[in-house]
Amino acid sequence: QRILRLAEMCRRLETEEEKVLPFYPSSLAEWEQQKVHRVLEEIPSEPLARAMRDYVGLERFWQRFNKVKLEEKALERAQAALANRNQDLRRLLQQYLAGAATNQKVPKDPHPL
C-alpha cells in the first residue's frame, strides 16, 4: 500500500513522455503476447500464483524500477568512460607541458660546435 501511495504521489513528477507513453514496448512476438494473455486469464492452481495475482498493480512500479536501474548502470558506465578519458587527457596535457618546459631550456641559437 505504501508503494502504491508513493507511486501516486510520484505521478505528479512524471515527465510528459512518461505520461503520454507510460508503457514500454514489448520485445515479445505477437503470438508470444497472445500466449501470455491466455495464461494470465487462467485461474492459477498454485498458492504462490494466486498470491501473485494480488500484486499485478505493482507491474508498472517494477517496470519503472527496472528502467531506473538500467539507466543508473548506463550512467555509471558513462561516468567511468568519462573518467578514463579525463585521465588520458590529463596525461597528454602533462606530456605537452613537460615538452614545452624542455623546449624553453634549450637555447634557441644552434651550438657553434
N, C-alpha and C. Protein backbone atom coordinates (compact mmCIF):
# COMPACT_ATOMS: atom_id res chain seq x y z
N GLN A 1 0.83 -1.20 0.00
CA GLN A 1 0.00 0.00 0.00
C GLN A 1 0.87 1.25 0.00
N ARG A 2 1.97 1.19 0.74
CA ARG A 2 2.87 2.35 0.80
C ARG A 2 3.47 2.63 -0.57
N ILE A 3 3.89 1.58 -1.27
CA ILE A 3 4.49 1.75 -2.60
C ILE A 3 3.47 2.33 -3.56
N LEU A 4 2.25 1.83 -3.50
CA LEU A 4 1.21 2.35 -4.39
C LEU A 4 0.92 3.82 -4.08
N ARG A 5 0.91 4.18 -2.81
CA ARG A 5 0.68 5.58 -2.43
C ARG A 5 1.81 6.47 -2.93
N LEU A 6 3.05 5.99 -2.78
CA LEU A 6 4.21 6.74 -3.28
C LEU A 6 4.16 6.87 -4.81
N ALA A 7 3.72 5.81 -5.47
CA ALA A 7 3.61 5.86 -6.93
C ALA A 7 2.60 6.91 -7.35
N GLU A 8 1.50 7.02 -6.63
CA GLU A 8 0.51 8.05 -6.94
C GLU A 8 1.07 9.45 -6.72
N MET A 9 1.87 9.61 -5.67
CA MET A 9 2.47 10.91 -5.39
C MET A 9 3.50 11.26 -6.48
N CYS A 10 4.24 10.26 -6.94
CA CYS A 10 5.27 10.50 -7.95
C CYS A 10 4.66 10.73 -9.33
N ARG A 11 3.43 10.36 -9.52
CA ARG A 11 2.76 10.56 -10.82
C ARG A 11 2.81 12.04 -11.20
N ARG A 12 2.71 12.92 -10.21
CA ARG A 12 2.75 14.37 -10.49
C ARG A 12 4.11 14.81 -10.99
N LEU A 13 5.16 14.06 -10.67
CA LEU A 13 6.51 14.44 -11.04
C LEU A 13 6.97 13.80 -12.36
N GLU A 14 6.11 13.03 -12.99
CA GLU A 14 6.48 12.37 -14.24
C GLU A 14 6.69 13.38 -15.35
N THR A 15 7.57 13.04 -16.27
CA THR A 15 7.77 13.88 -17.44
C THR A 15 6.60 13.69 -18.40
N GLU A 16 6.50 14.59 -19.37
CA GLU A 16 5.42 14.47 -20.35
C GLU A 16 5.51 13.16 -21.11
N GLU A 17 6.73 12.74 -21.44
CA GLU A 17 6.92 11.49 -22.18
C GLU A 17 6.40 10.30 -21.38
N GLU A 18 6.66 10.31 -20.08
CA GLU A 18 6.19 9.21 -19.24
C GLU A 18 4.67 9.22 -19.11
N LYS A 19 4.08 10.40 -19.13
CA LYS A 19 2.63 10.47 -19.03
C LYS A 19 1.96 10.02 -20.33
N VAL A 20 2.57 10.38 -21.46
CA VAL A 20 1.97 10.03 -22.76
C VAL A 20 2.25 8.58 -23.11
N LEU A 21 3.47 8.11 -22.85
CA LEU A 21 3.86 6.75 -23.17
C LEU A 21 4.21 5.99 -21.89
N PRO A 22 3.21 5.65 -21.07
CA PRO A 22 3.53 5.03 -19.79
C PRO A 22 4.02 3.59 -19.90
N PHE A 23 3.73 2.92 -21.01
CA PHE A 23 4.10 1.52 -21.12
C PHE A 23 5.27 1.37 -22.07
N TYR A 24 6.11 0.44 -21.76
CA TYR A 24 7.29 0.21 -22.57
C TYR A 24 6.96 -0.82 -23.65
N PRO A 25 7.55 -0.68 -24.81
CA PRO A 25 7.25 -1.65 -25.87
C PRO A 25 7.74 -3.04 -25.47
N SER A 26 6.97 -4.02 -25.84
CA SER A 26 7.32 -5.39 -25.50
C SER A 26 8.24 -5.95 -26.56
N SER A 27 9.16 -6.80 -26.13
CA SER A 27 10.06 -7.45 -27.07
C SER A 27 9.52 -8.81 -27.49
N LEU A 28 8.32 -9.14 -27.03
CA LEU A 28 7.71 -10.42 -27.39
C LEU A 28 7.05 -10.33 -28.76
N ALA A 29 7.06 -11.46 -29.46
CA ALA A 29 6.34 -11.54 -30.73
C ALA A 29 4.84 -11.55 -30.45
N GLU A 30 4.05 -11.32 -31.50
CA GLU A 30 2.59 -11.25 -31.33
C GLU A 30 2.03 -12.55 -30.74
N TRP A 31 2.48 -13.69 -31.25
CA TRP A 31 1.96 -14.97 -30.76
C TRP A 31 2.39 -15.20 -29.31
N GLU A 32 3.56 -14.69 -28.91
CA GLU A 32 4.00 -14.82 -27.52
C GLU A 32 3.15 -13.95 -26.60
N GLN A 33 2.80 -12.75 -27.06
CA GLN A 33 1.94 -11.88 -26.26
C GLN A 33 0.56 -12.50 -26.08
N GLN A 34 0.03 -13.13 -27.13
CA GLN A 34 -1.27 -13.79 -27.02
C GLN A 34 -1.21 -14.94 -26.01
N LYS A 35 -0.12 -15.68 -26.05
CA LYS A 35 0.05 -16.80 -25.11
C LYS A 35 0.11 -16.28 -23.67
N VAL A 36 0.81 -15.17 -23.46
CA VAL A 36 0.90 -14.58 -22.12
C VAL A 36 -0.47 -14.15 -21.64
N HIS A 37 -1.26 -13.52 -22.52
CA HIS A 37 -2.60 -13.08 -22.13
C HIS A 37 -3.49 -14.27 -21.77
N ARG A 38 -3.37 -15.36 -22.53
CA ARG A 38 -4.17 -16.56 -22.21
C ARG A 38 -3.78 -17.10 -20.84
N VAL A 39 -2.49 -17.15 -20.57
CA VAL A 39 -2.02 -17.68 -19.28
C VAL A 39 -2.49 -16.78 -18.14
N LEU A 40 -2.45 -15.46 -18.35
CA LEU A 40 -2.89 -14.54 -17.30
C LEU A 40 -4.38 -14.61 -17.04
N GLU A 41 -5.16 -14.98 -18.04
CA GLU A 41 -6.61 -15.08 -17.86
C GLU A 41 -7.01 -16.34 -17.12
N GLU A 42 -6.16 -17.36 -17.15
CA GLU A 42 -6.47 -18.61 -16.45
C GLU A 42 -6.41 -18.39 -14.94
N ILE A 43 -7.23 -19.13 -14.24
CA ILE A 43 -7.20 -19.06 -12.77
C ILE A 43 -6.08 -19.99 -12.31
N PRO A 44 -5.12 -19.47 -11.59
CA PRO A 44 -3.97 -20.29 -11.18
C PRO A 44 -4.35 -21.32 -10.14
N SER A 45 -3.65 -22.45 -10.17
CA SER A 45 -3.93 -23.51 -9.21
C SER A 45 -2.96 -23.49 -8.03
N GLU A 46 -1.74 -23.01 -8.26
CA GLU A 46 -0.74 -22.98 -7.18
C GLU A 46 -1.00 -21.79 -6.25
N PRO A 47 -0.73 -21.96 -4.96
CA PRO A 47 -0.95 -20.87 -4.00
C PRO A 47 -0.11 -19.64 -4.29
N LEU A 48 1.15 -19.86 -4.69
CA LEU A 48 2.02 -18.73 -4.98
C LEU A 48 1.50 -17.93 -6.18
N ALA A 49 1.04 -18.63 -7.20
CA ALA A 49 0.49 -17.95 -8.38
C ALA A 49 -0.77 -17.17 -8.02
N ARG A 50 -1.59 -17.72 -7.14
CA ARG A 50 -2.79 -16.98 -6.71
C ARG A 50 -2.40 -15.73 -5.93
N ALA A 51 -1.36 -15.83 -5.10
CA ALA A 51 -0.91 -14.67 -4.33
C ALA A 51 -0.33 -13.61 -5.25
N MET A 52 0.32 -14.02 -6.32
CA MET A 52 0.93 -13.07 -7.25
C MET A 52 -0.13 -12.24 -7.98
N ARG A 53 -1.32 -12.78 -8.14
CA ARG A 53 -2.39 -12.02 -8.79
C ARG A 53 -2.75 -10.77 -7.99
N ASP A 54 -2.49 -10.80 -6.69
CA ASP A 54 -2.76 -9.64 -5.85
C ASP A 54 -1.78 -8.50 -6.12
N TYR A 55 -0.64 -8.81 -6.74
CA TYR A 55 0.40 -7.82 -6.96
C TYR A 55 0.51 -7.36 -8.41
N VAL A 56 -0.51 -7.60 -9.19
CA VAL A 56 -0.49 -7.19 -10.59
C VAL A 56 -0.38 -5.66 -10.68
N GLY A 57 -0.94 -4.96 -9.72
CA GLY A 57 -0.87 -3.50 -9.71
C GLY A 57 0.54 -2.95 -9.57
N LEU A 58 1.46 -3.79 -9.13
CA LEU A 58 2.85 -3.36 -8.97
C LEU A 58 3.67 -3.54 -10.25
N GLU A 59 3.05 -4.06 -11.29
CA GLU A 59 3.81 -4.31 -12.52
C GLU A 59 4.42 -3.02 -13.07
N ARG A 60 3.64 -1.97 -13.06
CA ARG A 60 4.15 -0.69 -13.57
C ARG A 60 5.29 -0.17 -12.70
N PHE A 61 5.15 -0.37 -11.38
CA PHE A 61 6.23 0.02 -10.47
C PHE A 61 7.51 -0.72 -10.83
N TRP A 62 7.43 -2.04 -11.04
CA TRP A 62 8.63 -2.82 -11.35
C TRP A 62 9.21 -2.44 -12.71
N GLN A 63 8.35 -2.09 -13.66
CA GLN A 63 8.85 -1.62 -14.96
C GLN A 63 9.70 -0.36 -14.76
N ARG A 64 9.17 0.55 -14.01
CA ARG A 64 9.90 1.81 -13.78
C ARG A 64 11.15 1.57 -12.95
N PHE A 65 11.04 0.73 -11.95
CA PHE A 65 12.19 0.41 -11.10
C PHE A 65 13.32 -0.18 -11.95
N ASN A 66 12.97 -1.13 -12.80
CA ASN A 66 13.98 -1.76 -13.66
C ASN A 66 14.55 -0.75 -14.64
N LYS A 67 13.71 0.13 -15.17
CA LYS A 67 14.21 1.15 -16.10
C LYS A 67 15.21 2.06 -15.40
N VAL A 68 14.90 2.45 -14.18
CA VAL A 68 15.80 3.32 -13.43
C VAL A 68 17.12 2.60 -13.14
N LYS A 69 17.05 1.33 -12.78
CA LYS A 69 18.27 0.57 -12.52
C LYS A 69 19.12 0.47 -13.78
N LEU A 70 18.50 0.22 -14.93
CA LEU A 70 19.25 0.16 -16.18
C LEU A 70 19.89 1.51 -16.51
N GLU A 71 19.14 2.58 -16.32
CA GLU A 71 19.69 3.91 -16.57
C GLU A 71 20.83 4.22 -15.61
N GLU A 72 20.69 3.79 -14.37
CA GLU A 72 21.74 4.00 -13.37
C GLU A 72 23.02 3.29 -13.80
N LYS A 73 22.89 2.05 -14.25
CA LYS A 73 24.07 1.29 -14.71
C LYS A 73 24.68 1.96 -15.94
N ALA A 74 23.85 2.43 -16.85
CA ALA A 74 24.37 3.10 -18.05
C ALA A 74 25.11 4.37 -17.67
N LEU A 75 24.57 5.13 -16.72
CA LEU A 75 25.25 6.34 -16.27
C LEU A 75 26.56 6.04 -15.55
N GLU A 76 26.58 4.95 -14.78
CA GLU A 76 27.83 4.55 -14.13
C GLU A 76 28.90 4.22 -15.16
N ARG A 77 28.51 3.50 -16.21
CA ARG A 77 29.46 3.16 -17.27
C ARG A 77 29.92 4.41 -18.01
N ALA A 78 28.99 5.31 -18.28
CA ALA A 78 29.35 6.55 -18.96
C ALA A 78 30.30 7.38 -18.09
N GLN A 79 30.04 7.41 -16.80
CA GLN A 79 30.90 8.15 -15.87
C GLN A 79 32.30 7.54 -15.84
N ALA A 80 32.37 6.22 -15.83
CA ALA A 80 33.68 5.55 -15.83
C ALA A 80 34.43 5.84 -17.13
N ALA A 81 33.71 5.83 -18.26
CA ALA A 81 34.35 6.13 -19.54
C ALA A 81 34.85 7.57 -19.57
N LEU A 82 34.05 8.49 -19.03
CA LEU A 82 34.48 9.89 -18.99
C LEU A 82 35.67 10.08 -18.04
N ALA A 83 35.69 9.35 -16.95
CA ALA A 83 36.81 9.44 -16.02
C ALA A 83 38.10 8.95 -16.70
N ASN A 84 37.98 7.86 -17.46
CA ASN A 84 39.14 7.35 -18.19
C ASN A 84 39.60 8.36 -19.23
N ARG A 85 38.66 8.93 -19.94
CA ARG A 85 39.00 9.93 -20.96
C ARG A 85 39.66 11.15 -20.32
N ASN A 86 39.14 11.57 -19.18
CA ASN A 86 39.71 12.70 -18.45
C ASN A 86 41.14 12.40 -18.02
N GLN A 87 41.37 11.19 -17.54
CA GLN A 87 42.71 10.79 -17.12
C GLN A 87 43.67 10.80 -18.32
N ASP A 88 43.20 10.28 -19.47
CA ASP A 88 44.03 10.30 -20.68
C ASP A 88 44.38 11.73 -21.10
N LEU A 89 43.39 12.60 -21.06
CA LEU A 89 43.63 14.00 -21.44
C LEU A 89 44.59 14.69 -20.48
N ARG A 90 44.48 14.38 -19.20
CA ARG A 90 45.41 14.96 -18.22
C ARG A 90 46.84 14.48 -18.49
N ARG A 91 46.98 13.19 -18.82
CA ARG A 91 48.30 12.65 -19.11
C ARG A 91 48.89 13.32 -20.35
N LEU A 92 48.07 13.51 -21.38
CA LEU A 92 48.54 14.19 -22.59
C LEU A 92 48.93 15.63 -22.30
N LEU A 93 48.15 16.30 -21.48
CA LEU A 93 48.45 17.69 -21.11
C LEU A 93 49.77 17.77 -20.34
N GLN A 94 49.99 16.83 -19.42
CA GLN A 94 51.25 16.81 -18.67
C GLN A 94 52.44 16.58 -19.61
N GLN A 95 52.27 15.68 -20.58
CA GLN A 95 53.35 15.43 -21.55
C GLN A 95 53.63 16.69 -22.38
N TYR A 96 52.56 17.36 -22.78
CA TYR A 96 52.72 18.58 -23.58
C TYR A 96 53.44 19.66 -22.77
N LEU A 97 53.00 19.85 -21.53
CA LEU A 97 53.63 20.88 -20.68
C LEU A 97 55.08 20.52 -20.37
N ALA A 98 55.38 19.25 -20.18
CA ALA A 98 56.77 18.83 -19.93
C ALA A 98 57.61 19.11 -21.18
N GLY A 99 57.07 18.86 -22.34
CA GLY A 99 57.78 19.14 -23.59
C GLY A 99 57.98 20.62 -23.80
N ALA A 100 56.99 21.43 -23.46
CA ALA A 100 57.11 22.88 -23.61
C ALA A 100 58.16 23.43 -22.65
N ALA A 101 58.22 22.90 -21.44
CA ALA A 101 59.22 23.35 -20.47
C ALA A 101 60.61 22.97 -20.93
N THR A 102 60.76 21.80 -21.52
CA THR A 102 62.05 21.34 -22.03
C THR A 102 62.51 22.22 -23.19
N ASN A 103 61.59 22.59 -24.07
CA ASN A 103 61.93 23.43 -25.22
C ASN A 103 62.39 24.82 -24.79
N GLN A 104 61.89 25.32 -23.68
CA GLN A 104 62.30 26.65 -23.22
C GLN A 104 63.72 26.61 -22.66
N LYS A 105 64.16 25.45 -22.15
CA LYS A 105 65.50 25.34 -21.59
C LYS A 105 66.56 25.22 -22.70
N VAL A 106 66.18 24.69 -23.84
CA VAL A 106 67.13 24.51 -24.94
C VAL A 106 67.40 25.88 -25.56
N PRO A 107 68.68 26.23 -25.78
CA PRO A 107 68.98 27.54 -26.39
C PRO A 107 68.45 27.61 -27.81
N LYS A 108 68.01 28.79 -28.18
CA LYS A 108 67.41 28.96 -29.50
C LYS A 108 68.47 28.99 -30.58
N ASP A 109 69.70 29.48 -30.28
CA ASP A 109 70.77 29.50 -31.27
C ASP A 109 71.44 28.13 -31.30
N PRO A 110 71.77 27.64 -32.47
CA PRO A 110 72.45 26.35 -32.54
C PRO A 110 73.84 26.45 -31.91
N HIS A 111 74.24 25.38 -31.33
CA HIS A 111 75.57 25.34 -30.69
C HIS A 111 76.65 25.49 -31.75
N PRO A 112 77.68 26.34 -31.50
CA PRO A 112 78.69 26.61 -32.51
C PRO A 112 79.53 25.40 -32.88
N LEU A 113 79.64 24.41 -32.02
CA LEU A 113 80.45 23.24 -32.35
C LEU A 113 79.63 22.34 -33.18
